[in-house]
Every structure is written in structure tokens, then in C-alpha cells.
Amino acid sequence: MKKLQPQLTFIGRPFADQLLDEQRTFTQANLEMEQNEVFQSFLANNNLKAKRSNMIVFGPENFMYWYGVTVAKEIEVPQGLLRFVLPETQVAIKQQNNQNLSFFSQPLNVVVAKFLQEVRDEGIQTYENLGDSSMPYIVQDLNLDTKQLTQMLYLEADN
């Protein structure tokens, strides 16, 4: 459940928490990115068409939602997309099979709460408010070819 995660670069776009819809999802933001020509050509040009990721960056009072892809190597980011470098550190990790893009349209509060509960059930300590952590990140990577979803909670060094 815990592993050392090498540095990753998240490439995509952030969306403010106010864009959460009535169902507590970012379905509209996801759709906007799926229809974004810059994003789609970036995926095609870098052999990333089968990858999608989202990331939640928690703050003490709010959070930012990111949609895009993660890459392990340095890569040129086209204008219109942003880069967020995640440090090498320990992560709590969980994998699920038979997932597809609809996973990213589930209510975020349910998905995050379930994942955090599973992490805590493994005996891994987490902040009650992840925004209090120095590593306030949850990353969810989906491989569209294998249909495998990987969820990662970034942990502080002493965890």
C-alpha cells in the first residue's frame, strides 16, 4: 500500500473548487479538457492517448482540481497547458481494475472519502484536513488501455 513514488510531472489545467457541480463532480471541466485541441494534440504527439489523470491539491480552506496526464520525464508543455511537478516521496497507493473515464465523473467527495478510509484502514496516518499537510496531493492515474486506475496519496517524509 505504500511505495516510494519517483518525481512526476502533472500536465493539464487546474479548475477552482467553485466549479464543482451539484453532483459534486468536475464532469464539465473533464469534458472541456477532452474537447481541448491543444490537450488532445499534446496527448497524440507524446504517445499519451491512453493516459488520463486528475489531481486534487488541497489547501486549508479549499482545493484545486487538475485534469490532464502525469509523465515521469521532462516534456515540453504547450501553451494553454500548465505543469505541476510532484516531488519524489512516499505515497499510499491503491489500484483498481476495470475502470474507465466515467470514474473521473463520480462525486469527488465520495471517491476521496472512500480512498482515504482505505488508506487509514491500512494503518497509514493522514491529516483530517489534507490541506494541513506539506504534501496535500491526491493523484489518480487511469490507463485507458488496461483499464487500471492508480490512486496515490502523497505522504510526508516522516510517514
N, C-alpha and C. Protein backbone atom coordinates (compact mmCIF):
# COMPACT_ATOMS: atom_id res chain seq x y z
N MET A 1 0.82 -1.22 0.00
CA MET A 1 0.00 0.00 0.00
C MET A 1 0.85 1.26 0.00
N LYS A 2 2.10 1.18 0.52
CA LYS A 2 2.99 2.35 0.48
C LYS A 2 4.15 2.05 -0.44
N LYS A 3 4.60 3.07 -1.17
CA LYS A 3 5.77 2.90 -2.02
C LYS A 3 6.43 4.25 -2.23
N LEU A 4 7.70 4.21 -2.65
CA LEU A 4 8.40 5.43 -3.00
C LEU A 4 8.00 5.79 -4.42
N GLN A 5 7.41 6.95 -4.59
CA GLN A 5 6.98 7.40 -5.91
C GLN A 5 8.02 8.37 -6.46
N PRO A 6 8.64 8.04 -7.60
CA PRO A 6 9.58 8.98 -8.21
C PRO A 6 8.86 10.28 -8.59
N GLN A 7 9.65 11.31 -8.84
CA GLN A 7 9.08 12.59 -9.24
C GLN A 7 8.20 12.41 -10.47
N LEU A 8 7.05 13.04 -10.44
CA LEU A 8 6.12 13.04 -11.57
C LEU A 8 5.83 14.48 -11.96
N THR A 9 5.53 14.68 -13.22
CA THR A 9 5.07 15.99 -13.66
C THR A 9 3.64 15.83 -14.15
N PHE A 10 2.76 16.63 -13.56
CA PHE A 10 1.36 16.64 -13.98
C PHE A 10 1.22 17.74 -15.03
N ILE A 11 0.64 17.40 -16.17
CA ILE A 11 0.44 18.38 -17.23
C ILE A 11 -1.05 18.42 -17.55
N GLY A 12 -1.61 19.60 -17.45
CA GLY A 12 -3.04 19.76 -17.70
C GLY A 12 -3.47 21.16 -17.33
N ARG A 13 -4.67 21.24 -16.76
CA ARG A 13 -5.18 22.54 -16.33
C ARG A 13 -5.85 22.43 -14.98
N PRO A 14 -5.69 23.46 -14.16
CA PRO A 14 -6.39 23.48 -12.86
C PRO A 14 -7.77 24.11 -12.99
N PHE A 15 -8.65 23.67 -12.11
CA PHE A 15 -10.00 24.21 -12.05
C PHE A 15 -10.31 24.51 -10.59
N ALA A 16 -10.89 25.67 -10.33
CA ALA A 16 -11.20 26.08 -8.96
C ALA A 16 -12.32 25.20 -8.39
N ASP A 17 -12.30 25.04 -7.07
CA ASP A 17 -13.31 24.18 -6.42
C ASP A 17 -14.73 24.71 -6.61
N GLN A 18 -14.88 25.99 -6.95
CA GLN A 18 -16.22 26.55 -7.18
C GLN A 18 -16.88 25.94 -8.43
N LEU A 19 -16.10 25.27 -9.29
CA LEU A 19 -16.65 24.66 -10.50
C LEU A 19 -17.26 23.28 -10.25
N LEU A 20 -17.20 22.83 -9.01
CA LEU A 20 -17.84 21.57 -8.63
C LEU A 20 -19.34 21.71 -8.90
N ASP A 21 -19.94 20.74 -9.59
CA ASP A 21 -21.37 20.84 -9.91
C ASP A 21 -22.24 20.30 -8.77
N GLU A 22 -23.55 20.29 -9.01
CA GLU A 22 -24.49 19.85 -7.95
C GLU A 22 -24.25 18.41 -7.53
N GLN A 23 -23.72 17.58 -8.44
CA GLN A 23 -23.45 16.18 -8.12
C GLN A 23 -22.08 16.02 -7.45
N ARG A 24 -21.40 17.12 -7.18
CA ARG A 24 -20.07 17.13 -6.55
C ARG A 24 -19.02 16.53 -7.51
N THR A 25 -19.18 16.79 -8.81
CA THR A 25 -18.22 16.30 -9.80
C THR A 25 -17.63 17.46 -10.60
N PHE A 26 -16.59 17.14 -11.34
CA PHE A 26 -15.98 18.08 -12.27
C PHE A 26 -16.19 17.59 -13.70
N THR A 27 -17.35 16.99 -13.95
CA THR A 27 -17.65 16.42 -15.26
C THR A 27 -17.47 17.46 -16.37
N GLN A 28 -17.94 18.68 -16.14
CA GLN A 28 -17.84 19.72 -17.17
C GLN A 28 -16.38 20.09 -17.44
N ALA A 29 -15.57 20.19 -16.39
CA ALA A 29 -14.15 20.50 -16.56
C ALA A 29 -13.45 19.37 -17.33
N ASN A 30 -13.78 18.13 -16.99
CA ASN A 30 -13.19 16.98 -17.68
C ASN A 30 -13.55 17.01 -19.16
N LEU A 31 -14.81 17.29 -19.44
CA LEU A 31 -15.29 17.34 -20.82
C LEU A 31 -14.59 18.46 -21.60
N GLU A 32 -14.46 19.60 -20.93
CA GLU A 32 -13.77 20.74 -21.54
C GLU A 32 -12.35 20.34 -21.96
N MET A 33 -11.65 19.61 -21.09
CA MET A 33 -10.29 19.18 -21.41
C MET A 33 -10.30 18.12 -22.52
N GLU A 34 -11.27 17.21 -22.50
CA GLU A 34 -11.34 16.17 -23.53
C GLU A 34 -11.61 16.78 -24.91
N GLN A 35 -12.25 17.95 -24.93
CA GLN A 35 -12.56 18.62 -26.19
C GLN A 35 -11.51 19.67 -26.55
N ASN A 36 -10.50 19.83 -25.71
CA ASN A 36 -9.46 20.85 -25.92
C ASN A 36 -8.46 20.35 -26.95
N GLU A 37 -8.35 21.07 -28.07
CA GLU A 37 -7.48 20.65 -29.16
C GLU A 37 -6.01 20.62 -28.74
N VAL A 38 -5.58 21.59 -27.95
CA VAL A 38 -4.19 21.64 -27.51
C VAL A 38 -3.87 20.39 -26.68
N PHE A 39 -4.77 20.05 -25.76
CA PHE A 39 -4.58 18.87 -24.91
C PHE A 39 -4.57 17.60 -25.75
N GLN A 40 -5.52 17.46 -26.66
CA GLN A 40 -5.59 16.26 -27.48
C GLN A 40 -4.37 16.10 -28.38
N SER A 41 -3.88 17.20 -28.97
CA SER A 41 -2.69 17.06 -29.81
C SER A 41 -1.45 16.82 -28.97
N PHE A 42 -1.40 17.37 -27.75
CA PHE A 42 -0.30 17.08 -26.83
C PHE A 42 -0.26 15.58 -26.52
N LEU A 43 -1.43 14.99 -26.23
CA LEU A 43 -1.51 13.56 -25.95
C LEU A 43 -1.03 12.75 -27.15
N ALA A 44 -1.52 13.10 -28.33
CA ALA A 44 -1.17 12.37 -29.55
C ALA A 44 0.33 12.49 -29.86
N ASN A 45 0.88 13.69 -29.76
CA ASN A 45 2.28 13.93 -30.10
C ASN A 45 3.26 13.28 -29.13
N ASN A 46 2.79 12.95 -27.92
CA ASN A 46 3.67 12.39 -26.90
C ASN A 46 3.31 10.96 -26.53
N ASN A 47 2.52 10.31 -27.39
CA ASN A 47 2.14 8.92 -27.18
C ASN A 47 1.47 8.71 -25.81
N LEU A 48 0.56 9.62 -25.47
CA LEU A 48 -0.12 9.58 -24.17
C LEU A 48 -1.63 9.42 -24.30
N LYS A 49 -2.11 9.04 -25.47
CA LYS A 49 -3.55 8.97 -25.71
C LYS A 49 -4.28 8.02 -24.76
N ALA A 50 -3.59 7.03 -24.23
CA ALA A 50 -4.23 6.05 -23.34
C ALA A 50 -4.12 6.45 -21.87
N LYS A 51 -3.60 7.63 -21.58
CA LYS A 51 -3.43 8.05 -20.19
C LYS A 51 -4.32 9.24 -19.86
N ARG A 52 -4.88 9.22 -18.66
CA ARG A 52 -5.57 10.39 -18.12
C ARG A 52 -5.29 10.41 -16.63
N SER A 53 -5.29 11.61 -16.08
CA SER A 53 -5.06 11.76 -14.65
C SER A 53 -5.88 12.93 -14.13
N ASN A 54 -6.20 12.85 -12.86
CA ASN A 54 -6.67 14.04 -12.19
C ASN A 54 -5.90 14.15 -10.88
N MET A 55 -5.89 15.34 -10.35
CA MET A 55 -5.14 15.60 -9.13
C MET A 55 -5.94 16.60 -8.31
N ILE A 56 -5.96 16.38 -7.02
CA ILE A 56 -6.57 17.32 -6.11
C ILE A 56 -5.44 17.88 -5.24
N VAL A 57 -5.30 19.19 -5.25
CA VAL A 57 -4.32 19.87 -4.41
C VAL A 57 -5.11 20.59 -3.33
N PHE A 58 -4.98 20.10 -2.11
CA PHE A 58 -5.77 20.62 -1.00
C PHE A 58 -5.10 21.82 -0.36
N GLY A 59 -5.91 22.78 0.04
CA GLY A 59 -5.46 23.91 0.84
C GLY A 59 -6.21 23.87 2.15
N PRO A 60 -5.84 24.72 3.11
CA PRO A 60 -6.53 24.71 4.41
C PRO A 60 -8.04 24.95 4.28
N GLU A 61 -8.45 25.81 3.34
CA GLU A 61 -9.86 26.17 3.22
C GLU A 61 -10.52 25.67 1.94
N ASN A 62 -9.74 25.31 0.93
CA ASN A 62 -10.32 24.94 -0.35
C ASN A 62 -9.37 23.99 -1.09
N PHE A 63 -9.63 23.74 -2.34
CA PHE A 63 -8.77 22.86 -3.11
C PHE A 63 -8.81 23.26 -4.58
N MET A 64 -7.83 22.76 -5.33
CA MET A 64 -7.81 22.92 -6.78
C MET A 64 -7.90 21.52 -7.39
N TYR A 65 -8.65 21.43 -8.46
CA TYR A 65 -8.80 20.17 -9.19
C TYR A 65 -8.04 20.32 -10.51
N TRP A 66 -7.20 19.36 -10.81
CA TRP A 66 -6.46 19.36 -12.06
C TRP A 66 -6.89 18.18 -12.91
N TYR A 67 -6.93 18.39 -14.21
CA TYR A 67 -7.23 17.30 -15.15
C TYR A 67 -6.16 17.31 -16.23
N GLY A 68 -5.62 16.14 -16.53
CA GLY A 68 -4.58 16.06 -17.55
C GLY A 68 -3.94 14.68 -17.55
N VAL A 69 -2.60 14.68 -17.55
CA VAL A 69 -1.83 13.43 -17.53
C VAL A 69 -0.59 13.62 -16.66
N THR A 70 -0.06 12.51 -16.16
CA THR A 70 1.22 12.55 -15.46
C THR A 70 2.27 11.91 -16.35
N VAL A 71 3.47 12.46 -16.28
CA VAL A 71 4.61 11.91 -17.02
C VAL A 71 5.80 11.84 -16.09
N ALA A 72 6.67 10.87 -16.34
CA ALA A 72 7.85 10.68 -15.49
C ALA A 72 9.06 11.40 -16.05
N LYS A 73 8.97 11.89 -17.28
CA LYS A 73 10.15 12.50 -17.90
C LYS A 73 9.89 13.98 -18.18
N GLU A 74 10.98 14.69 -18.46
CA GLU A 74 10.84 16.08 -18.87
C GLU A 74 10.16 16.12 -20.23
N ILE A 75 9.23 17.01 -20.38
CA ILE A 75 8.46 17.06 -21.61
C ILE A 75 8.06 18.51 -21.85
N GLU A 76 8.05 18.91 -23.08
CA GLU A 76 7.67 20.29 -23.39
C GLU A 76 6.16 20.45 -23.24
N VAL A 77 5.77 21.50 -22.53
CA VAL A 77 4.36 21.75 -22.26
C VAL A 77 3.88 22.84 -23.21
N PRO A 78 2.87 22.55 -24.03
CA PRO A 78 2.39 23.56 -24.97
C PRO A 78 1.66 24.70 -24.27
N GLN A 79 1.62 25.84 -24.94
CA GLN A 79 0.89 26.98 -24.42
C GLN A 79 -0.57 26.58 -24.26
N GLY A 80 -1.16 26.95 -23.13
CA GLY A 80 -2.55 26.59 -22.86
C GLY A 80 -2.66 25.48 -21.83
N LEU A 81 -1.53 24.78 -21.58
CA LEU A 81 -1.50 23.77 -20.53
C LEU A 81 -0.47 24.19 -19.49
N LEU A 82 -0.62 23.69 -18.29
CA LEU A 82 0.31 24.02 -17.20
C LEU A 82 0.97 22.77 -16.68
N ARG A 83 2.10 22.97 -16.02
CA ARG A 83 2.87 21.87 -15.44
C ARG A 83 2.87 22.04 -13.92
N PHE A 84 2.79 20.90 -13.22
CA PHE A 84 2.88 20.87 -11.76
C PHE A 84 3.81 19.71 -11.42
N VAL A 85 4.96 20.02 -10.83
CA VAL A 85 5.94 18.97 -10.52
C VAL A 85 5.67 18.43 -9.12
N LEU A 86 5.46 17.12 -9.06
CA LEU A 86 5.23 16.43 -7.79
C LEU A 86 6.55 15.81 -7.35
N PRO A 87 6.93 15.98 -6.08
CA PRO A 87 8.23 15.52 -5.61
C PRO A 87 8.31 14.00 -5.47
N GLU A 88 9.53 13.49 -5.46
CA GLU A 88 9.73 12.08 -5.10
C GLU A 88 9.46 11.96 -3.61
N THR A 89 8.58 11.05 -3.25
CA THR A 89 8.24 10.85 -1.84
C THR A 89 7.45 9.55 -1.69
N GLN A 90 7.16 9.20 -0.45
CA GLN A 90 6.31 8.04 -0.17
C GLN A 90 4.87 8.39 -0.52
N VAL A 91 4.18 7.42 -1.10
CA VAL A 91 2.75 7.58 -1.36
C VAL A 91 2.02 6.35 -0.84
N ALA A 92 0.78 6.59 -0.44
CA ALA A 92 -0.13 5.47 -0.19
C ALA A 92 -0.78 5.22 -1.54
N ILE A 93 -0.79 3.95 -1.96
CA ILE A 93 -1.22 3.66 -3.32
C ILE A 93 -2.26 2.54 -3.32
N LYS A 94 -3.23 2.68 -4.21
CA LYS A 94 -4.27 1.66 -4.37
C LYS A 94 -4.57 1.55 -5.85
N GLN A 95 -4.74 0.31 -6.31
CA GLN A 95 -5.05 0.11 -7.72
C GLN A 95 -6.39 -0.59 -7.86
N GLN A 96 -7.12 -0.19 -8.89
CA GLN A 96 -8.42 -0.80 -9.20
C GLN A 96 -8.42 -1.18 -10.67
N ASN A 97 -9.04 -2.30 -10.98
CA ASN A 97 -9.16 -2.73 -12.37
C ASN A 97 -10.55 -2.40 -12.90
N ASN A 98 -10.69 -2.54 -14.20
CA ASN A 98 -11.96 -2.34 -14.89
C ASN A 98 -12.55 -0.95 -14.67
N GLN A 99 -11.70 0.06 -14.77
CA GLN A 99 -12.17 1.45 -14.65
C GLN A 99 -12.08 2.11 -16.02
N ASN A 100 -12.87 3.16 -16.20
CA ASN A 100 -12.81 3.95 -17.43
C ASN A 100 -12.97 5.42 -17.08
N LEU A 101 -13.08 6.26 -18.11
CA LEU A 101 -13.14 7.70 -17.86
C LEU A 101 -14.31 8.12 -16.98
N SER A 102 -15.36 7.32 -16.93
CA SER A 102 -16.51 7.69 -16.09
C SER A 102 -16.12 7.74 -14.61
N PHE A 103 -15.02 7.07 -14.23
CA PHE A 103 -14.56 7.14 -12.84
C PHE A 103 -14.34 8.59 -12.43
N PHE A 104 -13.79 9.39 -13.35
CA PHE A 104 -13.48 10.79 -13.05
C PHE A 104 -14.74 11.67 -12.95
N SER A 105 -15.89 11.10 -13.24
CA SER A 105 -17.15 11.84 -13.13
C SER A 105 -17.97 11.40 -11.92
N GLN A 106 -17.37 10.60 -11.05
CA GLN A 106 -18.05 10.23 -9.81
C GLN A 106 -17.92 11.39 -8.82
N PRO A 107 -18.84 11.48 -7.87
CA PRO A 107 -18.76 12.56 -6.87
C PRO A 107 -17.40 12.52 -6.16
N LEU A 108 -16.70 13.63 -6.23
CA LEU A 108 -15.34 13.72 -5.69
C LEU A 108 -15.31 13.46 -4.19
N ASN A 109 -16.31 13.98 -3.46
CA ASN A 109 -16.32 13.78 -2.01
C ASN A 109 -16.43 12.30 -1.66
N VAL A 110 -17.15 11.51 -2.45
CA VAL A 110 -17.31 10.07 -2.20
C VAL A 110 -16.01 9.34 -2.54
N VAL A 111 -15.44 9.63 -3.71
CA VAL A 111 -14.21 8.97 -4.16
C VAL A 111 -13.06 9.24 -3.18
N VAL A 112 -12.89 10.50 -2.79
CA VAL A 112 -11.80 10.87 -1.88
C VAL A 112 -12.01 10.25 -0.50
N ALA A 113 -13.23 10.34 0.02
CA ALA A 113 -13.51 9.79 1.36
C ALA A 113 -13.26 8.28 1.39
N LYS A 114 -13.69 7.57 0.35
CA LYS A 114 -13.51 6.12 0.29
C LYS A 114 -12.02 5.78 0.23
N PHE A 115 -11.28 6.47 -0.62
CA PHE A 115 -9.84 6.22 -0.74
C PHE A 115 -9.12 6.51 0.58
N LEU A 116 -9.42 7.65 1.20
CA LEU A 116 -8.77 7.99 2.47
C LEU A 116 -9.10 6.97 3.56
N GLN A 117 -10.33 6.48 3.57
CA GLN A 117 -10.71 5.47 4.56
C GLN A 117 -9.91 4.19 4.34
N GLU A 118 -9.74 3.79 3.08
CA GLU A 118 -8.95 2.59 2.77
C GLU A 118 -7.49 2.78 3.19
N VAL A 119 -6.95 3.97 2.99
CA VAL A 119 -5.58 4.27 3.41
C VAL A 119 -5.48 4.17 4.94
N ARG A 120 -6.43 4.77 5.64
CA ARG A 120 -6.42 4.74 7.11
C ARG A 120 -6.62 3.32 7.63
N ASP A 121 -7.44 2.53 6.94
CA ASP A 121 -7.65 1.14 7.35
C ASP A 121 -6.37 0.33 7.26
N GLU A 122 -5.43 0.77 6.43
CA GLU A 122 -4.11 0.11 6.31
C GLU A 122 -3.16 0.57 7.43
N GLY A 123 -3.64 1.47 8.29
CA GLY A 123 -2.81 1.95 9.38
C GLY A 123 -1.93 3.14 9.02
N ILE A 124 -2.18 3.72 7.87
CA ILE A 124 -1.39 4.89 7.45
C ILE A 124 -2.08 6.14 7.96
N GLN A 125 -1.31 6.97 8.67
CA GLN A 125 -1.86 8.20 9.24
C GLN A 125 -2.03 9.25 8.16
N THR A 126 -3.17 9.96 8.20
CA THR A 126 -3.40 11.07 7.29
C THR A 126 -3.92 12.25 8.10
N TYR A 127 -3.78 13.42 7.55
CA TYR A 127 -4.36 14.60 8.18
C TYR A 127 -5.88 14.54 8.04
N GLU A 128 -6.57 15.02 9.06
CA GLU A 128 -8.03 15.14 8.96
C GLU A 128 -8.35 16.09 7.80
N ASN A 129 -7.64 17.22 7.75
CA ASN A 129 -7.75 18.16 6.63
C ASN A 129 -6.44 18.04 5.84
N LEU A 130 -6.51 17.45 4.66
CA LEU A 130 -5.29 17.24 3.88
C LEU A 130 -4.58 18.54 3.55
N GLY A 131 -5.29 19.65 3.60
CA GLY A 131 -4.68 20.96 3.35
C GLY A 131 -3.66 21.35 4.40
N ASP A 132 -3.64 20.65 5.54
CA ASP A 132 -2.65 20.92 6.59
C ASP A 132 -1.33 20.21 6.31
N SER A 133 -1.31 19.30 5.35
CA SER A 133 -0.11 18.53 5.03
C SER A 133 0.83 19.35 4.17
N SER A 134 2.13 19.04 4.24
CA SER A 134 3.09 19.69 3.34
C SER A 134 3.06 19.03 1.97
N MET A 135 2.37 17.90 1.85
CA MET A 135 2.20 17.18 0.58
C MET A 135 0.70 16.95 0.35
N PRO A 136 -0.05 18.03 0.10
CA PRO A 136 -1.52 17.92 0.06
C PRO A 136 -2.06 17.45 -1.29
N TYR A 137 -1.57 16.30 -1.79
CA TYR A 137 -1.92 15.86 -3.14
C TYR A 137 -2.54 14.46 -3.16
N ILE A 138 -3.60 14.33 -3.93
CA ILE A 138 -4.11 13.02 -4.33
C ILE A 138 -4.06 13.01 -5.85
N VAL A 139 -3.42 12.00 -6.40
CA VAL A 139 -3.32 11.84 -7.86
C VAL A 139 -3.99 10.53 -8.23
N GLN A 140 -4.78 10.58 -9.29
CA GLN A 140 -5.45 9.39 -9.80
C GLN A 140 -5.08 9.25 -11.27
N ASP A 141 -4.37 8.16 -11.58
CA ASP A 141 -3.93 7.88 -12.95
C ASP A 141 -4.76 6.75 -13.52
N LEU A 142 -5.24 6.94 -14.74
CA LEU A 142 -6.03 5.92 -15.41
C LEU A 142 -5.36 5.55 -16.72
N ASN A 143 -5.16 4.24 -16.92
CA ASN A 143 -4.66 3.73 -18.18
C ASN A 143 -5.87 3.22 -18.96
N LEU A 144 -6.21 3.90 -20.04
CA LEU A 144 -7.41 3.55 -20.79
C LEU A 144 -7.27 2.21 -21.52
N ASP A 145 -6.03 1.79 -21.82
CA ASP A 145 -5.82 0.51 -22.50
C ASP A 145 -6.02 -0.67 -21.53
N THR A 146 -5.41 -0.58 -20.34
CA THR A 146 -5.51 -1.70 -19.39
C THR A 146 -6.72 -1.54 -18.46
N LYS A 147 -7.33 -0.35 -18.47
CA LYS A 147 -8.46 -0.01 -17.59
C LYS A 147 -8.07 -0.06 -16.11
N GLN A 148 -6.77 0.19 -15.84
CA GLN A 148 -6.31 0.18 -14.46
C GLN A 148 -6.21 1.61 -13.93
N LEU A 149 -6.80 1.80 -12.76
CA LEU A 149 -6.77 3.08 -12.08
C LEU A 149 -5.80 2.97 -10.90
N THR A 150 -4.91 3.94 -10.78
CA THR A 150 -3.99 4.00 -9.65
C THR A 150 -4.27 5.28 -8.87
N GLN A 151 -4.58 5.13 -7.59
CA GLN A 151 -4.82 6.28 -6.72
C GLN A 151 -3.62 6.42 -5.80
N MET A 152 -3.12 7.66 -5.66
CA MET A 152 -1.97 7.91 -4.80
C MET A 152 -2.25 9.09 -3.88
N LEU A 153 -1.97 8.89 -2.60
CA LEU A 153 -1.99 9.97 -1.62
C LEU A 153 -0.55 10.24 -1.25
N TYR A 154 -0.12 11.47 -1.47
CA TYR A 154 1.26 11.83 -1.14
C TYR A 154 1.40 11.97 0.37
N LEU A 155 2.46 11.35 0.90
CA LEU A 155 2.70 11.32 2.34
C LEU A 155 3.91 12.17 2.68
N GLU A 156 3.91 12.68 3.89
CA GLU A 156 5.06 13.45 4.34
C GLU A 156 6.20 12.50 4.66
N ALA A 157 7.40 13.02 4.68
CA ALA A 157 8.61 12.20 4.85
C ALA A 157 8.59 11.33 6.09
N ASP A 158 7.99 11.80 7.16
CA ASP A 158 8.01 11.03 8.42
C ASP A 158 6.93 9.96 8.48
N ASN A 159 6.14 9.82 7.42
CA ASN A 159 5.06 8.84 7.42
C ASN A 159 5.55 7.46 7.05
